[in-house]
Amino acid sequence: MRLSASELSQFGEDLGRQLRAPAVIGLSGELGTGKTTLVQAICRGLGARARATSPTYALVHHYDAGPVLSITWMLPAAPA
């Protein structure tokens, strides 16, 4: 399933409005696939005032909506 940027944002905002704690959402994908865009939309739906940013250079980001934590897990490559 592929969504345009606006469809992804609408989906994320709708999801954020419907989420109830405790909730855990796992996202996995290559660089540039829209993970941060989706997290931003979910946070908007939850009522966050700050814009979510990519956790690429920080392992954990905390947002004021919920609370919301964005955590990056990087798995080591399998040995050759």
Foldseek 3Di string as FASTA:
>chain_A
DDDDLVRLLVVLLVVLLPDDPPDDDDDDDDPPPCPLSSVQSSCVNLPWPDGGDDCPPPQWDWTDRVTDIDGDDDDDDDDD
